[in-house]
PDB file of N, CA and C in Angstrom:
ATOM      1  N   LEU A   1     -11.004  28.279 -16.839  1.00  0.00           N
ATOM      2  CA  LEU A   1      -9.503  27.621 -15.769  1.00  0.00           C
ATOM      3  C   LEU A   1      -8.447  28.245 -16.254  1.00  0.00           C
ATOM      4  N   GLU A   2      -8.508  27.910 -17.348  1.00  0.00           N
ATOM      5  CA  GLU A   2      -7.355  28.389 -18.160  1.00  0.00           C
ATOM      6  C   GLU A   2      -6.830  29.461 -17.777  1.00  0.00           C
ATOM      7  N   LYS A   3      -7.945  30.630 -17.935  1.00  0.00           N
ATOM      8  CA  LYS A   3      -7.642  32.161 -17.908  1.00  0.00           C
ATOM      9  C   LYS A   3      -7.535  32.446 -17.152  1.00  0.00           C
ATOM     10  N   VAL A   4      -7.974  31.925 -15.873  1.00  0.00           N
ATOM     11  CA  VAL A   4      -7.812  32.422 -14.902  1.00  0.00           C
ATOM     12  C   VAL A   4      -5.952  32.218 -14.193  1.00  0.00           C
ATOM     13  N   LEU A   5      -5.852  30.932 -14.747  1.00  0.00           N
ATOM     14  CA  LEU A   5      -4.584  30.812 -14.256  1.00  0.00           C
ATOM     15  C   LEU A   5      -3.466  31.885 -15.092  1.00  0.00           C
ATOM     16  N   GLU A   6      -3.570  31.926 -16.240  1.00  0.00           N
ATOM     17  CA  GLU A   6      -3.201  32.846 -17.320  1.00  0.00           C
ATOM     18  C   GLU A   6      -2.798  34.232 -16.573  1.00  0.00           C
ATOM     19  N   SER A   7      -4.300  34.800 -16.369  1.00  0.00           N
ATOM     20  CA  SER A   7      -4.639  36.025 -15.568  1.00  0.00           C
ATOM     21  C   SER A   7      -3.876  35.821 -14.238  1.00  0.00           C
ATOM     22  N   CYS A   8      -3.062  35.108 -13.353  1.00  0.00           N
ATOM     23  CA  CYS A   8      -2.664  34.937 -12.641  1.00  0.00           C
ATOM     24  C   CYS A   8      -0.827  34.771 -12.795  1.00  0.00           C
ATOM     25  N   GLY A   9      -0.542  34.629 -14.439  1.00  0.00           N
ATOM     26  CA  GLY A   9       0.565  34.765 -14.314  1.00  0.00           C
ATOM     27  C   GLY A   9       1.495  33.558 -15.180  1.00  0.00           C
ATOM     28  N   VAL A  10       0.224  32.300 -14.879  1.00  0.00           N
ATOM     29  CA  VAL A  10       0.628  31.313 -15.551  1.00  0.00           C
ATOM     30  C   VAL A  10       1.027  31.002 -17.264  1.00  0.00           C
ATOM     31  N   PRO A  11       2.211  30.985 -17.559  1.00  0.00           N
ATOM     32  CA  PRO A  11       2.446  30.438 -19.218  1.00  0.00           C
ATOM     33  C   PRO A  11       1.727  29.946 -20.076  1.00  0.00           C
ATOM     34  N   LYS A  12       1.218  30.690 -21.088  1.00  0.00           N
ATOM     35  CA  LYS A  12      -0.651  30.213 -21.695  1.00  0.00           C
ATOM     36  C   LYS A  12       0.207  28.719 -22.342  1.00  0.00           C
ATOM     37  N   PRO A  13       1.776  28.407 -22.111  1.00  0.00           N
ATOM     38  CA  PRO A  13       1.661  27.118 -23.108  1.00  0.00           C
ATOM     39  C   PRO A  13       1.242  26.038 -21.911  1.00  0.00           C
ATOM     40  N   ALA A  14       1.923  26.221 -20.518  1.00  0.00           N
ATOM     41  CA  ALA A  14       1.399  25.469 -19.665  1.00  0.00           C
ATOM     42  C   ALA A  14       0.106  25.100 -18.474  1.00  0.00           C
ATOM     43  N   THR A  15      -0.933  26.296 -18.876  1.00  0.00           N
ATOM     44  CA  THR A  15      -2.458  26.086 -18.029  1.00  0.00           C
ATOM     45  C   THR A  15      -2.642  24.986 -18.442  1.00  0.00           C
ATOM     46  N   PRO A  16      -3.010  24.324 -19.689  1.00  0.00           N
ATOM     47  CA  PRO A  16      -3.639  23.078 -19.880  1.00  0.00           C
ATOM     48  C   PRO A  16      -3.433  22.392 -19.003  1.00  0.00           C
ATOM     49  N   LEU A  17      -1.775  21.748 -19.181  1.00  0.00           N
ATOM     50  CA  LEU A  17      -1.663  20.763 -18.434  1.00  0.00           C
ATOM     51  C   LEU A  17      -1.425  21.001 -16.452  1.00  0.00           C
ATOM     52  N   ILE A  18      -1.528  22.281 -16.042  1.00  0.00           N
ATOM     53  CA  ILE A  18      -1.821  22.586 -14.254  1.00  0.00           C
ATOM     54  C   ILE A  18      -3.101  22.663 -14.655  1.00  0.00           C
ATOM     55  N   ALA A  19      -4.074  22.835 -15.211  1.00  0.00           N
ATOM     56  CA  ALA A  19      -5.600  22.976 -15.221  1.00  0.00           C
ATOM     57  C   ALA A  19      -6.155  21.487 -15.077  1.00  0.00           C
ATOM     58  N   THR A  20      -5.257  20.815 -16.018  1.00  0.00           N
ATOM     59  CA  THR A  20      -6.059  19.532 -15.883  1.00  0.00           C
ATOM     60  C   THR A  20      -5.185  18.343 -14.160  1.00  0.00           C
ATOM     61  N   LYS A  21      -4.131  19.486 -14.079  1.00  0.00           N
ATOM     62  CA  LYS A  21      -3.725  18.678 -12.216  1.00  0.00           C
ATOM     63  C   LYS A  21      -4.774  19.103 -11.082  1.00  0.00           C
ATOM     64  N   ILE A  22      -4.951  20.309 -11.230  1.00  0.00           N
ATOM     65  CA  ILE A  22      -5.868  20.932 -10.411  1.00  0.00           C
ATOM     66  C   ILE A  22      -7.666  20.290 -10.604  1.00  0.00           C
ATOM     67  N   LEU A  23      -7.599  19.803 -11.439  1.00  0.00           N
ATOM     68  CA  LEU A  23      -8.744  19.348 -11.451  1.00  0.00           C
ATOM     69  C   LEU A  23      -9.215  17.990 -11.093  1.00  0.00           C
ATOM     70  N   LYS A  24      -7.820  17.640 -11.324  1.00  0.00           N
ATOM     71  CA  LYS A  24      -7.900  15.568 -10.951  1.00  0.00           C
ATOM     72  C   LYS A  24      -7.623  15.908  -9.364  1.00  0.00           C
ATOM     73  N   LEU A  25      -6.635  16.397  -8.893  1.00  0.00           N
ATOM     74  CA  LEU A  25      -6.772  17.396  -7.314  1.00  0.00           C
ATOM     75  C   LEU A  25      -7.493  17.148  -6.988  1.00  0.00           C
ATOM     76  N   ALA A  26      -8.590  18.119  -7.351  1.00  0.00           N
ATOM     77  CA  ALA A  26     -10.009  18.787  -6.704  1.00  0.00           C
ATOM     78  C   ALA A  26     -11.144  17.700  -6.263  1.00  0.00           C
ATOM     79  N   THR A  27     -10.556  16.394  -7.276  1.00  0.00           N
ATOM     80  CA  THR A  27     -11.811  15.666  -7.615  1.00  0.00           C
ATOM     81  C   THR A  27     -11.251  14.233  -6.538  1.00  0.00           C
ATOM     82  N   VAL A  28     -10.035  14.446  -6.321  1.00  0.00           N
ATOM     83  CA  VAL A  28      -9.829  13.280  -5.191  1.00  0.00           C
ATOM     84  C   VAL A  28      -9.471  13.370  -4.170  1.00  0.00           C
ATOM     85  N   HIS A  29      -9.682  14.935  -3.733  1.00  0.00           N
ATOM     86  CA  HIS A  29     -10.135  15.543  -2.181  1.00  0.00           C
ATOM     87  C   HIS A  29     -11.641  15.805  -2.666  1.00  0.00           C
ATOM     88  N   GLY A  30     -12.539  15.150  -3.368  1.00  0.00           N
ATOM     89  CA  GLY A  30     -14.456  15.729  -3.015  1.00  0.00           C
ATOM     90  C   GLY A  30     -14.454  16.709  -3.214  1.00  0.00           C
ATOM     91  N   LEU A  31     -13.959  17.329  -4.077  1.00  0.00           N
ATOM     92  CA  LEU A  31     -14.404  19.070  -4.384  1.00  0.00           C
ATOM     93  C   LEU A  31     -15.289  18.791  -5.636  1.00  0.00           C
ATOM     94  N   ASP A  32     -16.219  19.915  -5.269  1.00  0.00           N
ATOM     95  CA  ASP A  32     -16.905  19.896  -6.747  1.00  0.00           C
ATOM     96  C   ASP A  32     -16.174  20.553  -7.805  1.00  0.00           C
ATOM     97  N   THR A  33     -16.446  20.044  -9.162  1.00  0.00           N
ATOM     98  CA  THR A  33     -15.416  20.761 -10.407  1.00  0.00           C
ATOM     99  C   THR A  33     -16.864  20.617 -11.621  1.00  0.00           C
ATOM    100  N   SER A  34     -17.716  20.670 -10.922  1.00  0.00           N
ATOM    101  CA  SER A  34     -19.137  20.271 -11.874  1.00  0.00           C
ATOM    102  C   SER A  34     -18.810  21.978 -12.857  1.00  0.00           C
ATOM    103  N   GLY A  35     -18.539  23.346 -12.154  1.00  0.00           N
ATOM    104  CA  GLY A  35     -19.089  24.345 -12.932  1.00  0.00           C
ATOM    105  C   GLY A  35     -17.731  24.693 -13.701  1.00  0.00           C
ATOM    106  N   ILE A  36     -17.002  23.919 -14.075  1.00  0.00           N
ATOM    107  CA  ILE A  36     -15.353  23.510 -14.756  1.00  0.00           C
ATOM    108  C   ILE A  36     -15.514  23.122 -15.750  1.00  0.00           C
ATOM    109  N   PRO A  37     -15.688  23.249 -17.305  1.00  0.00           N
ATOM    110  CA  PRO A  37     -15.603  21.932 -18.186  1.00  0.00           C
ATOM    111  C   PRO A  37     -14.640  21.164 -17.953  1.00  0.00           C
ATOM    112  N   LYS A  38     -15.363  19.848 -18.416  1.00  0.00           N
ATOM    113  CA  LYS A  38     -14.486  18.668 -17.735  1.00  0.00           C
ATOM    114  C   LYS A  38     -14.527  17.798 -16.489  1.00  0.00           C
ATOM    115  N   GLY A  39     -15.378  18.576 -15.193  1.00  0.00           N
ATOM    116  CA  GLY A  39     -15.444  19.559 -14.069  1.00  0.00           C
ATOM    117  C   GLY A  39     -16.642  18.011 -13.652  1.00  0.00           C
ATOM    118  N   THR A  40     -16.553  17.281 -12.299  1.00  0.00           N
ATOM    119  CA  THR A  40     -17.434  16.708 -11.992  1.00  0.00           C
ATOM    120  C   THR A  40     -18.379  16.986 -10.688  1.00  0.00           C
ATOM    121  N   LYS A  41     -19.523  16.260 -10.423  1.00  0.00           N
ATOM    122  CA  LYS A  41     -19.773  16.478  -9.127  1.00  0.00           C
ATOM    123  C   LYS A  41     -19.279  16.172  -7.835  1.00  0.00           C
ATOM    124  N   CYS A  42     -19.099  16.295  -6.691  1.00  0.00           N
ATOM    125  CA  CYS A  42     -18.923  15.497  -5.755  1.00  0.00           C
ATOM    126  C   CYS A  42     -19.841  14.564  -5.587  1.00  0.00           C
ATOM    127  N   LYS A  43     -19.359  13.524  -4.638  1.00  0.00           N
ATOM    128  CA  LYS A  43     -20.129  12.360  -4.143  1.00  0.00           C
ATOM    129  C   LYS A  43     -21.169  12.915  -3.379  1.00  0.00           C
ATOM    130  N   SER A  44     -21.202  14.049  -2.226  1.00  0.00           N
ATOM    131  CA  SER A  44     -21.870  14.592  -1.276  1.00  0.00           C
ATOM    132  C   SER A  44     -23.016  14.993  -1.739  1.00  0.00           C
ATOM    133  N   GLY A  45     -23.068  15.865  -2.791  1.00  0.00           N
ATOM    134  CA  GLY A  45     -24.083  16.604  -3.442  1.00  0.00           C
ATOM    135  C   GLY A  45     -24.154  18.409  -3.020  1.00  0.00           C
ATOM    136  N   ARG A  46     -22.735  17.781  -2.057  1.00  0.00           N
ATOM    137  CA  ARG A  46     -22.986  19.293  -1.168  1.00  0.00           C
ATOM    138  C   ARG A  46     -21.868  20.290  -2.015  1.00  0.00           C
ATOM    139  N   SER A  47     -22.494  20.736  -2.600  1.00  0.00           N
ATOM    140  CA  SER A  47     -20.981  21.718  -3.443  1.00  0.00           C
ATOM    141  C   SER A  47     -20.224  23.208  -2.788  1.00  0.00           C
ATOM    142  N   GLY A  48     -20.402  23.604  -1.566  1.00  0.00           N
ATOM    143  CA  GLY A  48     -19.917  24.816  -1.514  1.00  0.00           C
ATOM    144  C   GLY A  48     -18.719  24.356  -0.727  1.00  0.00           C
ATOM    145  N   HIS A  49     -18.182  25.309  -0.527  1.00  0.00           N
ATOM    146  CA  HIS A  49     -16.857  25.163  -0.242  1.00  0.00           C
ATOM    147  C   HIS A  49     -16.326  26.607   0.947  1.00  0.00           C
ATOM    148  N   MET A  50     -15.482  26.402   1.587  1.00  0.00           N
ATOM    149  CA  MET A  50     -15.694  26.665   3.165  1.00  0.00           C
ATOM    150  C   MET A  50     -13.788  27.290   2.520  1.00  0.00           C
ATOM    151  N   LEU A  51     -13.324  28.534   2.659  1.00  0.00           N
ATOM    152  CA  LEU A  51     -12.037  28.500   2.289  1.00  0.00           C
ATOM    153  C   LEU A  51     -11.878  29.876   4.454  1.00  0.00           C
ATOM    154  N   GLN A  52     -10.498  29.316   4.753  1.00  0.00           N
ATOM    155  CA  GLN A  52     -10.643  30.300   6.221  1.00  0.00           C
ATOM    156  C   GLN A  52      -9.261  31.505   6.147  1.00  0.00           C
ATOM    157  N   ILE A  53      -9.699  32.185   6.244  1.00  0.00           N
ATOM    158  CA  ILE A  53      -8.600  33.662   6.405  1.00  0.00           C
ATOM    159  C   ILE A  53      -8.436  33.755   7.440  1.00  0.00           C
ATOM    160  N   PHE A  54      -7.122  33.477   8.151  1.00  0.00           N
ATOM    161  CA  PHE A  54      -7.131  34.252   9.239  1.00  0.00           C
ATOM    162  C   PHE A  54      -6.591  36.090   9.119  1.00  0.00           C
ATOM    163  N   LEU A  55      -7.187  36.983  10.115  1.00  0.00           N
ATOM    164  CA  LEU A  55      -6.749  38.057  10.220  1.00  0.00           C
ATOM    165  C   LEU A  55      -6.130  38.256  11.869  1.00  0.00           C
ATOM    166  N   ARG A  56      -5.611  39.314  12.299  1.00  0.00           N
ATOM    167  CA  ARG A  56      -5.088  39.319  13.201  1.00  0.00           C
ATOM    168  C   ARG A  56      -6.445  40.347  13.666  1.00  0.00           C
ATOM    169  N   ARG A  57      -6.960  40.512  15.253  1.00  0.00           N
ATOM    170  CA  ARG A  57      -8.038  40.976  15.451  1.00  0.00           C
ATOM    171  C   ARG A  57      -8.211  42.681  14.979  1.00  0.00           C
ATOM    172  N   GLU A  58      -7.146  42.879  15.560  1.00  0.00           N
ATOM    173  CA  GLU A  58      -7.491  44.523  15.224  1.00  0.00           C
ATOM    174  C   GLU A  58      -7.567  44.659  14.158  1.00  0.00           C
ATOM    175  N   LEU A  59      -7.552  44.069  12.471  1.00  0.00           N
ATOM    176  CA  LEU A  59      -7.939  44.513  11.475  1.00  0.00           C
ATOM    177  C   LEU A  59      -9.092  43.963  11.499  1.00  0.00           C
ATOM    178  N   ILE A  60      -9.959  43.433  11.591  1.00  0.00           N
ATOM    179  CA  ILE A  60     -10.986  42.762  11.494  1.00  0.00           C
ATOM    180  C   ILE A  60     -12.414  44.516  11.204  1.00  0.00           C
ATOM    181  N   ASP A  61     -12.248  44.958  12.381  1.00  0.00           N
ATOM    182  CA  ASP A  61     -13.102  46.224  12.111  1.00  0.00           C
ATOM    183  C   ASP A  61     -12.727  47.263  10.270  1.00  0.00           C
ATOM    184  N   GLU A  62     -11.395  47.179  10.631  1.00  0.00           N
ATOM    185  CA  GLU A  62     -11.007  48.090   8.920  1.00  0.00           C
ATOM    186  C   GLU A  62     -11.770  46.937   7.961  1.00  0.00           C
ATOM    187  N   TYR A  63     -11.685  45.769   7.557  1.00  0.00           N
ATOM    188  CA  TYR A  63     -11.838  45.175   6.695  1.00  0.00           C
ATOM    189  C   TYR A  63     -13.166  44.056   6.591  1.00  0.00           C
ATOM    190  N   VAL A  64     -13.589  43.829   7.547  1.00  0.00           N
ATOM    191  CA  VAL A  64     -14.383  42.506   7.866  1.00  0.00           C
ATOM    192  C   VAL A  64     -16.072  43.229   8.031  1.00  0.00           C
ATOM    193  N   TYR A  65     -16.862  42.695   7.714  1.00  0.00           N
ATOM    194  CA  TYR A  65     -18.115  42.842   7.814  1.00  0.00           C
ATOM    195  C   TYR A  65     -19.070  41.533   7.948  1.00  0.00           C
ATOM    196  N   PRO A  66     -20.523  41.033   8.963  1.00  0.00           N
ATOM    197  CA  PRO A  66     -20.818  40.583   8.664  1.00  0.00           C
ATOM    198  C   PRO A  66     -22.183  40.741   7.852  1.00  0.00           C
ATOM    199  N   ALA A  67     -21.969  39.005   7.427  1.00  0.00           N
ATOM    200  CA  ALA A  67     -22.924  39.427   6.262  1.00  0.00           C
ATOM    201  C   ALA A  67     -24.102  37.917   6.072  1.00  0.00           C
ATOM    202  N   PHE A  68     -25.229  37.850   5.454  1.00  0.00           N
ATOM    203  CA  PHE A  68     -25.852  37.040   4.991  1.00  0.00           C
ATOM    204  C   PHE A  68     -25.364  36.511   3.740  1.00  0.00           C
ATOM    205  N   PRO A  69     -25.715  35.336   3.088  1.00  0.00           N
ATOM    206  CA  PRO A  69     -25.454  34.960   1.887  1.00  0.00           C
ATOM    207  C   PRO A  69     -26.147  36.034   0.729  1.00  0.00           C
ATOM    208  N   TYR A  70     -24.636  35.410  -0.205  1.00  0.00           N
ATOM    209  CA  TYR A  70     -24.401  37.201  -1.436  1.00  0.00           C
ATOM    210  C   TYR A  70     -24.341  38.156  -0.742  1.00  0.00           C
ATOM    211  N   GLY A  71     -23.639  38.686   0.139  1.00  0.00           N
ATOM    212  CA  GLY A  71     -22.698  39.821   1.060  1.00  0.00           C
ATOM    213  C   GLY A  71     -23.674  40.765   1.332  1.00  0.00           C
ATOM    214  N   VAL A  72     -25.199  40.544   1.764  1.00  0.00           N
ATOM    215  CA  VAL A  72     -25.825  41.458   2.683  1.00  0.00           C
ATOM    216  C   VAL A  72     -26.027  42.051   3.663  1.00  0.00           C
ATOM    217  N   PRO A  73     -25.572  42.840   3.777  1.00  0.00           N
ATOM    218  CA  PRO A  73     -24.218  43.312   5.346  1.00  0.00           C
ATOM    219  C   PRO A  73     -25.532  42.990   6.318  1.00  0.00           C
ATOM    220  N   ASP A  74     -25.370  41.835   7.626  1.00  0.00           N
ATOM    221  CA  ASP A  74     -25.764  41.517   8.731  1.00  0.00           C
ATOM    222  C   ASP A  74     -25.532  42.611   9.845  1.00  0.00           C
ATOM    223  N   LYS A  75     -26.535  43.647   9.755  1.00  0.00           N
ATOM    224  CA  LYS A  75     -26.428  44.869  10.931  1.00  0.00           C
ATOM    225  C   LYS A  75     -26.678  44.546  11.979  1.00  0.00           C
ATOM    226  N   LYS A  76     -27.452  43.449  12.260  1.00  0.00           N
ATOM    227  CA  LYS A  76     -27.317  42.736  13.815  1.00  0.00           C
ATOM    228  C   LYS A  76     -26.113  42.196  14.413  1.00  0.00           C
ATOM    229  N   ARG A  77     -25.413  42.157  13.524  1.00  0.00           N
ATOM    230  CA  ARG A  77     -24.016  41.897  14.204  1.00  0.00           C
ATOM    231  C   ARG A  77     -22.088  42.529  13.640  1.00  0.00           C
ATOM    232  N   MET A  78     -23.094  43.903  13.279  1.00  0.00           N
ATOM    233  CA  MET A  78     -21.862  44.784  13.033  1.00  0.00           C
ATOM    234  C   MET A  78     -21.946  46.120  14.355  1.00  0.00           C
ATOM    235  N   LYS A  79     -21.231  45.148  15.644  1.00  0.00           N
ATOM    236  CA  LYS A  79     -21.792  46.426  16.496  1.00  0.00           C
ATOM    237  C   LYS A  79     -20.799  47.125  17.083  1.00  0.00           C
ATOM    238  N   PRO A  80     -19.434  47.138  16.657  1.00  0.00           N
ATOM    239  CA  PRO A  80     -18.708  46.754  15.553  1.00  0.00           C
ATOM    240  C   PRO A  80     -18.540  45.233  15.883  1.00  0.00           C
ATOM    241  N   PHE A  81     -18.314  44.509  14.840  1.00  0.00           N
ATOM    242  CA  PHE A  81     -17.818  43.435  14.873  1.00  0.00           C
ATOM    243  C   PHE A  81     -16.913  42.801  15.419  1.00  0.00           C
ATOM    244  N   SER A  82     -15.710  43.165  16.062  1.00  0.00           N
ATOM    245  CA  SER A  82     -14.377  42.849  16.851  1.00  0.00           C
ATOM    246  C   SER A  82     -15.127  42.599  17.863  1.00  0.00           C
ATOM    247  N   LYS A  83     -16.369  43.137  18.082  1.00  0.00           N
ATOM    248  CA  LYS A  83     -16.910  42.831  19.546  1.00  0.00           C
ATOM    249  C   LYS A  83     -17.877  41.886  19.507  1.00  0.00           C
ATOM    250  N   TYR A  84     -18.458  41.974  18.769  1.00  0.00           N
ATOM    251  CA  TYR A  84     -19.478  40.559  18.364  1.00  0.00           C
ATOM    252  C   TYR A  84     -18.885  38.896  18.266  1.00  0.00           C
ATOM    253  N   LEU A  85     -17.536  39.237  17.968  1.00  0.00           N
ATOM    254  CA  LEU A  85     -17.161  38.107  18.182  1.00  0.00           C
ATOM    255  C   LEU A  85     -16.063  37.887  19.306  1.00  0.00           C
ATOM    256  N   ALA A  86     -15.916  38.552  20.010  1.00  0.00           N
ATOM    257  CA  ALA A  86     -16.112  38.875  21.638  1.00  0.00           C
ATOM    258  C   ALA A  86     -16.529  38.326  22.477  1.00  0.00           C
ATOM    259  N   GLU A  87     -18.319  38.244  22.355  1.00  0.00           N
ATOM    260  CA  GLU A  87     -18.992  37.596  22.868  1.00  0.00           C
ATOM    261  C   GLU A  87     -18.969  36.101  23.425  1.00  0.00           C
ATOM    262  N   ASP A  88     -19.279  36.172  24.393  1.00  0.00           N
ATOM    263  CA  ASP A  88     -19.261  34.868  24.927  1.00  0.00           C
ATOM    264  C   ASP A  88     -20.761  33.718  24.069  1.00  0.00           C
ATOM    265  N   GLU A  89     -20.753  34.274  23.073  1.00  0.00           N
ATOM    266  CA  GLU A  89     -21.573  33.053  22.581  1.00  0.00           C
ATOM    267  C   GLU A  89     -20.920  32.620  21.207  1.00  0.00           C
ATOM    268  N   PRO A  90     -21.739  31.421  20.940  1.00  0.00           N
ATOM    269  CA  PRO A  90     -21.447  30.624  19.396  1.00  0.00           C
ATOM    270  C   PRO A  90     -21.357  31.577  18.557  1.00  0.00           C
ATOM    271  N   ILE A  91     -20.276  31.637  17.335  1.00  0.00           N
ATOM    272  CA  ILE A  91     -20.456  32.288  16.396  1.00  0.00           C
ATOM    273  C   ILE A  91     -20.893  31.512  14.669  1.00  0.00           C
ATOM    274  N   LYS A  92     -21.938  32.562  14.901  1.00  0.00           N
ATOM    275  CA  LYS A  92     -22.458  31.762  13.743  1.00  0.00           C
ATOM    276  C   LYS A  92     -22.452  32.948  12.219  1.00  0.00           C
ATOM    277  N   GLY A  93     -23.088  32.549  11.128  1.00  0.00           N
ATOM    278  CA  GLY A  93     -22.871  32.991  10.067  1.00  0.00           C
ATOM    279  C   GLY A  93     -21.884  33.501   8.735  1.00  0.00           C
ATOM    280  N   GLN A  94     -21.545  34.247   7.824  1.00  0.00           N
ATOM    281  CA  GLN A  94     -21.028  34.418   6.749  1.00  0.00           C
ATOM    282  C   GLN A  94     -20.478  35.835   7.390  1.00  0.00           C
ATOM    283  N   VAL A  95     -19.352  36.169   6.458  1.00  0.00           N
ATOM    284  CA  VAL A  95     -19.015  37.768   6.421  1.00  0.00           C
ATOM    285  C   VAL A  95     -17.913  37.667   5.482  1.00  0.00           C
ATOM    286  N   ARG A  96     -17.480  39.338   4.975  1.00  0.00           N
ATOM    287  CA  ARG A  96     -17.203  39.318   3.683  1.00  0.00           C
ATOM    288  C   ARG A  96     -16.144  40.070   3.982  1.00  0.00           C
ATOM    289  N   ILE A  97     -14.658  39.855   3.687  1.00  0.00           N
ATOM    290  CA  ILE A  97     -13.336  40.599   3.719  1.00  0.00           C
ATOM    291  C   ILE A  97     -12.773  41.211   2.274  1.00  0.00           C
ATOM    292  N   THR A  98     -13.007  42.559   2.669  1.00  0.00           N
ATOM    293  CA  THR A  98     -12.756  43.970   1.815  1.00  0.00           C
ATOM    294  C   THR A  98     -11.733  44.397   1.367  1.00  0.00           C
ATOM    295  N   LEU A  99     -10.617  44.159   0.823  1.00  0.00           N
ATOM    296  CA  LEU A  99      -9.198  44.602   0.089  1.00  0.00           C
ATOM    297  C   LEU A  99      -9.069  45.058  -0.948  1.00  0.00           C
ATOM    298  N   ASN A 100      -8.283  46.511  -1.038  1.00  0.00           N
ATOM    299  CA  ASN A 100      -8.128  46.621  -2.489  1.00  0.00           C
ATOM    300  C   ASN A 100      -6.967  46.679  -2.634  1.00  0.00           C
TER     301      ASN A 100
END
């Protein structure tokens, strides 16, 4: 975690304290930190996290593709993807956002 903070521009002397604060906050809010040294498992046992990123609809087909776990493209939902999202059906599954 400290190396990640350093790569984001956090000064090296500040990284231990900030990393400790991040782990403490994550634990307080029930997030699983067991993959990080000194981290703990979450109470529920479900360690997955969901991240929501909102994009304007006109950008979807350019930067987003529907995917199965591990990023394998889901060709069934790629029609283009914005048309799939506009259908009157429940939206299911994962996506990947590619930006460079």
